[in-house]
Protein backbone atom coordinates (compact mmCIF):
# COMPACT_ATOMS: atom_id res chain seq x y z
CA MET A 1 4.11 -7.15 13.46
CA SER A 2 4.13 -10.90 13.22
CA ASN A 3 2.22 -13.04 15.67
CA GLY A 4 2.92 -16.52 14.37
CA PRO A 5 3.83 -19.28 16.85
CA HIS A 6 7.40 -19.31 18.08
CA ASP A 7 9.61 -21.76 19.90
CA SER A 8 10.11 -20.26 23.37
CA SER A 9 13.81 -21.11 23.11
CA GLU A 10 14.23 -18.82 20.08
CA PRO A 11 14.79 -15.08 20.52
CA ALA A 12 11.98 -12.78 19.45
CA PRO A 13 12.57 -11.11 16.06
CA THR A 14 14.20 -7.70 16.27
CA GLU A 15 12.95 -4.60 14.48
CA ALA A 16 15.82 -4.87 12.01
CA GLN A 17 14.77 -8.42 11.11
CA VAL A 18 11.07 -7.86 10.50
CA GLY A 19 10.35 -7.16 6.86
CA PRO A 20 7.99 -4.57 5.36
CA LEU A 21 4.45 -5.37 4.30
CA VAL A 22 2.80 -4.02 1.16
CA ALA A 23 -0.98 -4.37 1.05
CA ILE A 24 -2.38 -3.36 -2.35
CA GLY A 25 -6.05 -2.59 -2.94
CA GLY A 26 -6.15 -4.45 -6.27
CA ALA A 27 -6.05 -3.38 -9.93
CA GLU A 28 -2.55 -1.96 -9.52
CA ASP A 29 -1.14 -0.14 -12.54
CA LYS A 30 0.82 -2.57 -14.71
CA LEU A 31 1.35 -0.41 -17.82
CA GLY A 32 2.03 3.21 -16.76
CA ARG A 33 4.15 4.48 -13.88
CA ARG A 34 3.56 1.27 -11.90
CA THR A 35 4.27 3.19 -8.69
CA VAL A 36 3.01 0.51 -6.31
CA LEU A 37 4.80 -2.40 -7.98
CA LYS A 38 8.00 -0.34 -8.27
CA THR A 39 7.84 0.29 -4.52
CA PHE A 40 7.55 -3.44 -3.83
CA VAL A 41 10.45 -4.41 -6.11
CA ALA A 42 12.65 -1.67 -4.61
CA LEU A 43 11.90 -2.90 -1.08
CA ALA A 44 12.67 -6.46 -2.19
CA GLY A 45 16.16 -5.44 -3.26
CA GLY A 46 15.78 -3.96 -6.73
CA PRO A 47 18.36 -5.62 -9.02
CA GLU A 48 19.10 -8.20 -6.30
CA ALA A 49 15.42 -9.07 -5.76
CA ARG A 50 14.37 -12.71 -5.88
CA ILE A 51 10.57 -12.78 -5.74
CA ALA A 52 8.19 -15.67 -5.09
CA VAL A 53 4.76 -15.23 -6.67
CA ILE A 54 1.94 -17.07 -4.87
CA PRO A 55 -1.14 -17.26 -7.16
CA THR A 56 -3.17 -19.66 -4.99
CA ALA A 57 -6.14 -17.29 -4.71
CA SER A 58 -6.43 -16.86 -8.47
CA SER A 59 -8.69 -18.89 -10.75
CA LEU A 60 -6.34 -18.19 -13.67
CA GLY A 61 -3.73 -20.64 -14.86
CA PRO A 62 0.01 -20.17 -15.45
CA GLU A 63 -0.66 -16.89 -17.24
CA ILE A 64 -1.13 -15.04 -13.94
CA VAL A 65 2.44 -15.96 -12.94
CA GLU A 66 3.71 -15.08 -16.41
CA VAL A 67 2.23 -11.57 -16.09
CA TYR A 68 3.94 -10.86 -12.76
CA ASP A 69 7.14 -12.57 -13.85
CA ALA A 70 7.39 -10.22 -16.83
CA LEU A 71 6.44 -7.19 -14.73
CA PHE A 72 8.89 -7.78 -11.90
CA ARG A 73 11.76 -8.53 -14.28
CA LYS A 74 10.90 -5.41 -16.27
CA LEU A 75 11.12 -3.43 -13.03
CA GLY A 76 14.60 -4.82 -12.37
CA ALA A 77 14.11 -7.96 -10.26
CA ARG A 78 16.82 -10.57 -10.76
CA ASP A 79 14.67 -13.70 -10.41
CA VAL A 80 11.00 -14.69 -10.10
CA VAL A 81 9.73 -18.10 -8.97
CA ALA A 82 6.19 -19.50 -8.72
CA ALA A 83 4.97 -21.13 -5.49
CA ARG A 84 1.40 -22.40 -5.96
CA PRO A 85 -0.05 -24.78 -3.40
CA GLU A 86 -3.55 -25.79 -4.52
CA THR A 87 -4.43 -28.00 -1.57
CA ARG A 88 -3.47 -28.17 2.08
CA GLU A 89 -1.48 -31.28 1.20
CA ASP A 90 0.51 -29.18 -1.29
CA ALA A 91 1.02 -26.56 1.42
CA GLU A 92 2.60 -29.21 3.68
CA ASP A 93 4.91 -30.51 0.95
CA PRO A 94 8.55 -29.72 1.85
CA ALA A 95 9.33 -29.11 -1.83
CA THR A 96 6.66 -26.40 -2.02
CA VAL A 97 7.78 -24.83 1.25
CA ALA A 98 11.40 -24.82 0.04
CA LEU A 99 10.40 -22.53 -2.85
CA LEU A 100 10.38 -19.67 -0.32
CA ASP A 101 13.98 -20.29 0.73
CA GLY A 102 16.30 -17.48 -0.24
CA VAL A 103 13.65 -15.11 -1.59
CA THR A 104 13.78 -11.42 -0.78
CA GLY A 105 10.14 -10.74 -1.65
CA ILE A 106 6.84 -12.64 -1.57
CA PHE A 107 3.89 -11.51 -3.68
CA MET A 108 0.38 -12.98 -3.27
CA THR A 109 -1.98 -12.34 -6.18
CA GLY A 110 -5.66 -11.47 -6.11
CA GLY A 111 -8.57 -13.87 -6.36
CA ASN A 112 -10.58 -15.65 -3.68
CA GLN A 113 -9.20 -14.76 -0.25
CA LEU A 114 -11.20 -17.48 1.49
CA LYS A 115 -9.56 -20.08 -0.79
CA LEU A 116 -6.15 -18.61 -0.02
CA SER A 117 -6.80 -18.71 3.71
CA ALA A 118 -8.28 -22.22 3.64
CA ILE A 119 -5.25 -23.64 1.81
CA VAL A 120 -2.39 -21.71 3.45
CA ASN A 121 -3.34 -20.94 7.05
CA GLY A 122 -2.16 -23.45 9.62
CA THR A 123 0.23 -25.21 7.21
CA ALA A 124 3.98 -25.39 6.85
CA PHE A 125 3.74 -23.08 3.83
CA GLY A 126 1.81 -20.46 5.82
CA GLN A 127 4.40 -20.68 8.58
CA ALA A 128 7.15 -20.29 5.98
CA ILE A 129 5.59 -16.99 4.88
CA ARG A 130 5.57 -15.77 8.49
CA ASP A 131 9.14 -16.96 9.03
CA ALA A 132 10.28 -15.17 5.88
CA HIS A 133 8.60 -11.96 7.08
CA GLU A 134 10.38 -12.24 10.42
CA ARG A 135 13.78 -12.61 8.80
CA GLY A 136 13.30 -9.42 6.79
CA VAL A 137 11.60 -10.54 3.58
CA VAL A 138 9.08 -8.03 2.20
CA VAL A 139 5.63 -9.61 1.93
CA ALA A 140 3.17 -8.04 -0.51
CA GLY A 141 -0.23 -8.92 -1.86
CA THR A 142 -2.92 -7.44 -4.03
CA SER A 143 -6.67 -7.73 -3.38
CA ALA A 144 -7.02 -11.17 -1.72
CA GLY A 145 -3.27 -11.14 -1.12
CA ALA A 146 -3.70 -7.90 0.84
CA SER A 147 -6.60 -9.08 2.98
CA ILE A 148 -4.84 -12.21 4.22
CA GLN A 149 -1.90 -10.26 5.67
CA SER A 150 -3.89 -9.06 8.69
CA SER A 151 -4.81 -11.04 11.77
CA HIS A 152 -8.50 -10.93 10.78
CA MET A 153 -9.63 -11.17 7.16
CA VAL A 154 -12.82 -10.27 5.30
CA ALA A 155 -14.11 -13.60 4.02
CA PHE A 156 -16.83 -12.30 1.69
CA GLY A 157 -19.74 -9.87 1.76
CA THR A 158 -21.76 -7.23 -0.02
CA GLY A 159 -20.98 -3.58 -0.73
CA GLY A 160 -22.86 -0.47 0.35
CA SER A 161 -22.22 2.64 2.40
CA THR A 162 -24.53 1.79 5.32
CA PRO A 163 -23.25 -0.69 7.92
CA LYS A 164 -25.76 -3.50 8.36
CA GLN A 165 -25.77 -6.62 10.46
CA ARG A 166 -24.46 -9.70 8.61
CA MET A 167 -23.01 -7.72 5.68
CA THR A 168 -19.83 -9.77 5.84
CA GLN A 169 -17.94 -12.36 7.84
CA LEU A 170 -14.42 -12.68 9.18
CA ALA A 171 -11.88 -15.45 8.68
CA ALA A 172 -8.38 -15.90 10.04
CA GLY A 173 -5.56 -14.14 8.20
CA LEU A 174 -1.84 -14.84 8.31
CA GLY A 175 -1.43 -12.45 11.22
CA LEU A 176 1.55 -10.58 9.78
CA ILE A 177 0.04 -7.46 11.31
CA ARG A 178 -2.06 -7.63 14.45
CA ASP A 179 -5.38 -6.11 15.48
CA VAL A 180 -6.43 -4.87 12.05
CA VAL A 181 -8.78 -5.99 9.31
CA ILE A 182 -7.94 -5.05 5.72
CA ASP A 183 -10.47 -4.60 2.91
CA GLN A 184 -9.58 -3.90 -0.72
CA HIS A 185 -11.12 -2.35 -3.89
CA PHE A 186 -12.45 -0.11 -1.15
CA GLY A 187 -13.75 3.07 -2.74
CA GLN A 188 -14.35 1.53 -6.14
CA ARG A 189 -16.71 -1.17 -4.79
CA ASN A 190 -18.22 0.95 -2.01
CA ARG A 191 -17.15 -1.25 0.87
CA TYR A 192 -17.48 1.41 3.57
CA GLY A 193 -20.48 -0.24 5.17
CA ARG A 194 -19.04 -3.69 5.58
CA LEU A 195 -15.74 -2.47 7.05
CA LEU A 196 -17.62 -0.21 9.45
CA MET A 197 -19.82 -3.16 10.41
CA LEU A 198 -16.73 -5.19 11.31
CA VAL A 199 -15.33 -2.34 13.41
CA ALA A 200 -18.71 -1.94 15.14
CA GLN A 201 -18.73 -5.64 16.00
CA SER A 202 -15.04 -5.74 16.98
CA PRO A 203 -13.98 -2.26 18.16
CA GLY A 204 -10.49 -3.51 19.04
CA LEU A 205 -9.75 -3.95 15.35
CA LEU A 206 -8.55 -1.07 13.23
CA GLY A 207 -10.41 -1.10 9.92
CA ILE A 208 -8.18 -0.40 6.89
CA GLY A 209 -9.76 0.06 3.46
CA ILE A 210 -7.39 0.32 0.48
CA ASP A 211 -8.37 1.75 -2.90
CA GLU A 212 -7.34 0.21 -6.20
CA ASP A 213 -3.85 1.03 -7.50
CA THR A 214 -2.93 2.04 -3.96
CA GLY A 215 -0.52 0.46 -1.52
CA ALA A 216 -0.31 0.54 2.26
CA VAL A 217 3.37 0.02 3.10
CA VAL A 218 3.84 -1.04 6.73
CA THR A 219 7.24 -0.94 8.42
CA HIS A 220 8.23 -1.49 12.04
CA GLU A 221 9.93 1.61 13.45
CA ASP A 222 10.85 2.43 17.06
CA GLY A 223 8.31 -0.01 18.46
CA SER A 224 5.45 1.06 16.21
CA ASP A 225 3.94 -0.22 12.98
CA VAL A 226 3.94 2.72 10.57
CA LEU A 227 1.74 2.76 7.47
CA ARG A 228 2.70 4.90 4.47
CA VAL A 229 0.52 5.36 1.41
CA VAL A 230 1.72 5.06 -2.18
CA GLY A 231 -0.22 5.03 -5.44
CA ARG A 232 -3.20 6.74 -6.99
CA GLY A 233 -5.98 6.41 -4.42
CA VAL A 234 -6.39 6.63 -0.65
CA VAL A 235 -6.25 4.40 2.40
CA THR A 236 -9.30 4.82 4.66
CA ILE A 237 -8.99 3.95 8.35
CA PHE A 238 -11.81 3.44 10.85
CA ASP A 239 -10.77 3.66 14.52
CA GLY A 240 -13.63 2.39 16.68
CA ARG A 241 -11.96 2.43 20.11
CA ASN A 242 -14.60 4.83 21.44
CA ILE A 243 -17.51 3.61 19.34
CA VAL A 244 -21.08 3.45 20.60
CA SER A 245 -22.90 0.72 18.70
CA ASN A 246 -25.88 -1.61 18.85
CA ALA A 247 -24.08 -4.38 16.94
CA HIS A 248 -24.49 -6.77 19.87
CA GLU A 249 -28.28 -6.60 19.68
CA ALA A 250 -29.17 -5.65 16.10
CA ARG A 251 -31.19 -8.31 14.32
CA ARG A 252 -30.70 -9.88 10.90
CA THR A 253 -29.79 -7.22 8.33
CA ALA A 254 -30.75 -4.14 10.36
CA PRO A 255 -28.71 -0.93 9.93
CA LEU A 256 -26.19 -0.49 12.73
CA LEU A 257 -25.64 2.39 15.10
CA ALA A 258 -22.00 3.50 14.84
CA SER A 259 -21.21 6.71 16.72
CA GLY A 260 -17.83 8.06 17.75
CA VAL A 261 -15.77 6.33 15.05
CA VAL A 262 -12.64 8.27 14.10
CA LEU A 263 -12.14 8.46 10.34
CA HIS A 264 -8.80 8.93 8.58
CA VAL A 265 -8.56 9.34 4.79
CA LEU A 266 -4.92 9.13 3.73
CA PRO A 267 -3.72 10.00 0.21
CA ALA A 268 -0.29 9.16 -1.20
CA GLY A 269 2.53 10.50 0.96
CA SER A 270 0.58 10.20 4.21
CA ALA A 271 1.99 8.33 7.20
CA PHE A 272 -0.01 6.80 10.06
CA ASP A 273 1.12 5.10 13.27
CA LEU A 274 -1.00 1.96 13.54
CA THR A 275 0.18 1.31 17.10
CA THR A 276 -0.77 4.71 18.57
CA ARG A 277 -3.48 5.25 15.92
CA GLN A 278 -2.24 8.74 15.10
CA LEU A 279 -1.41 10.62 11.93
CA LEU A 280 2.31 11.30 11.57
CA ARG A 281 3.56 14.64 10.30
CA GLU A 282 6.37 13.99 7.84
CA ALA A 283 8.00 16.14 5.18
CA PRO A 284 6.41 15.08 1.90
CA ALA A 285 8.66 13.28 -0.56
CA VAL A 286 8.69 14.93 -3.97
CA ASP A 287 8.92 12.89 -7.16
CA PRO A 288 11.87 14.26 -9.24
CA GLU A 289 9.65 14.43 -12.34
CA ALA A 290 6.99 16.29 -10.39
CA ALA A 291 9.64 18.65 -8.97
CA GLU A 292 10.80 19.58 -12.48
CA GLU A 293 7.19 20.17 -13.55
CA LEU A 294 6.71 22.44 -10.53
CA ALA A 295 9.89 24.35 -11.36
CA VAL A 296 8.75 24.93 -14.96
CA ALA A 297 5.32 25.99 -13.73
CA GLY A 298 6.99 28.41 -11.29
CA ARG A 299 9.02 30.03 -14.03
CA ASP A 300 5.91 30.37 -16.20
CA LEU A 301 4.04 31.90 -13.28
CA LYS A 302 6.78 34.51 -12.73
CA ARG A 303 6.66 35.52 -16.40
CA LEU A 304 2.88 35.75 -16.21
CA ALA A 305 3.12 37.95 -13.10
CA ARG A 306 5.52 40.30 -14.89
CA ASP A 307 3.17 40.53 -17.88
CA ILE A 308 0.20 41.24 -15.62
CA ALA A 309 2.17 43.96 -13.81
CA ALA A 310 3.09 45.46 -17.19
CA ASP A 311 -0.58 46.02 -18.02
CA ASP A 312 -0.45 49.25 -15.97
CA VAL A 313 2.51 50.53 -17.99
CA SER A 314 2.25 52.41 -21.27
CA PRO A 315 3.50 50.54 -24.40
CA SER A 316 6.46 52.92 -24.77
CA GLN A 317 7.50 52.41 -21.13
CA LEU A 318 7.16 48.64 -21.51
CA ARG A 319 9.37 48.69 -24.63
CA ARG A 320 12.04 50.76 -22.81
CA ARG A 321 11.91 48.39 -19.80
CA ARG A 322 12.36 45.32 -22.00
CA ARG A 323 15.19 47.05 -23.93
CA ARG A 324 17.04 47.82 -20.69
CA ARG A 325 16.61 44.20 -19.57
CA SER A 326 17.95 42.98 -22.93
CA ASP A 327 20.95 45.34 -22.77
CA THR A 328 21.74 44.16 -19.24
CA ASN A 329 21.65 40.51 -20.34
CA ASP A 330 23.96 41.32 -23.29
CA GLU A 331 26.49 43.00 -20.98
CA GLN A 332 26.43 40.01 -18.61
CA ASN A 333 27.05 37.63 -21.53
CA ASP A 334 29.99 39.81 -22.75
CA ASP A 335 31.51 39.71 -19.27
CA LEU A 336 31.19 35.91 -19.16
CA GLY A 337 32.83 35.65 -22.57
CA GLU A 338 35.80 37.80 -21.50
CA SER A 339 36.27 35.89 -18.26
CA GLY A 340 36.44 32.63 -20.22
């Protein structure tokens, strides 16, 4: 997944070393089930988690760190530290870089992704994030913190469903995952057009749009990067490998031709191989609470079916049938009492 610079004398990171990524589409639930944040804390080690919060993209003050500190501790994390470079000079400071030593999770907040990229990319702090990822640390981010994880990052742009020339621009991301571009608040802010424009201009990139309160969890498995969806919304993927487009010649803000794009809309529980660009068929994981609700619903449905079937039976027959069922249950209970 990572493509940061390496010393040629050092061995390449193994699959077991590379940590998971969690790209969150923004506005993640902080009060209810908190499914996405729970997933991140669990991946970071649960009760052993030591999490660094990087709020560089945010315009808020210390309160943004206080919010995530309280949340992550509430979800079981052992320790939370703040690492906030505000200038490139800060990002080169060994003391700031050292804040990432020993962490098991890194969380980048939302805000201005261009600010985050301008301060972190190409610095010792940015390299420390990549190094942490390569030694197994889970790296997560919401909104701006999601966009910067990819090799190419949406810098800014307008919304809209129609792809148009110059809707948005790209900047360099951290490159924790290659050959993709990630956009966030996707469905809520109608960013279909701008992501499709980027894919039309750069068909080698896989366009990934993440809804709010939704996470794209990427792990490296058997040589592939596998994306799994958690949370309330969907992850939308545009695969433009076989696209036919006029992006190379369209002028100014003209609508773009984009034909042959493969669309994937992935709700929670879906799995997608980013390397082969194929949907993976996996047995769905069932939430224990949801399983109990389904079991109760099943029992209610069986009772309803019996009542419906009884509609064709006369009242006297129905009474006799229920009496026989009651007598049978009484006999079974007597037998259990004697055997005890």
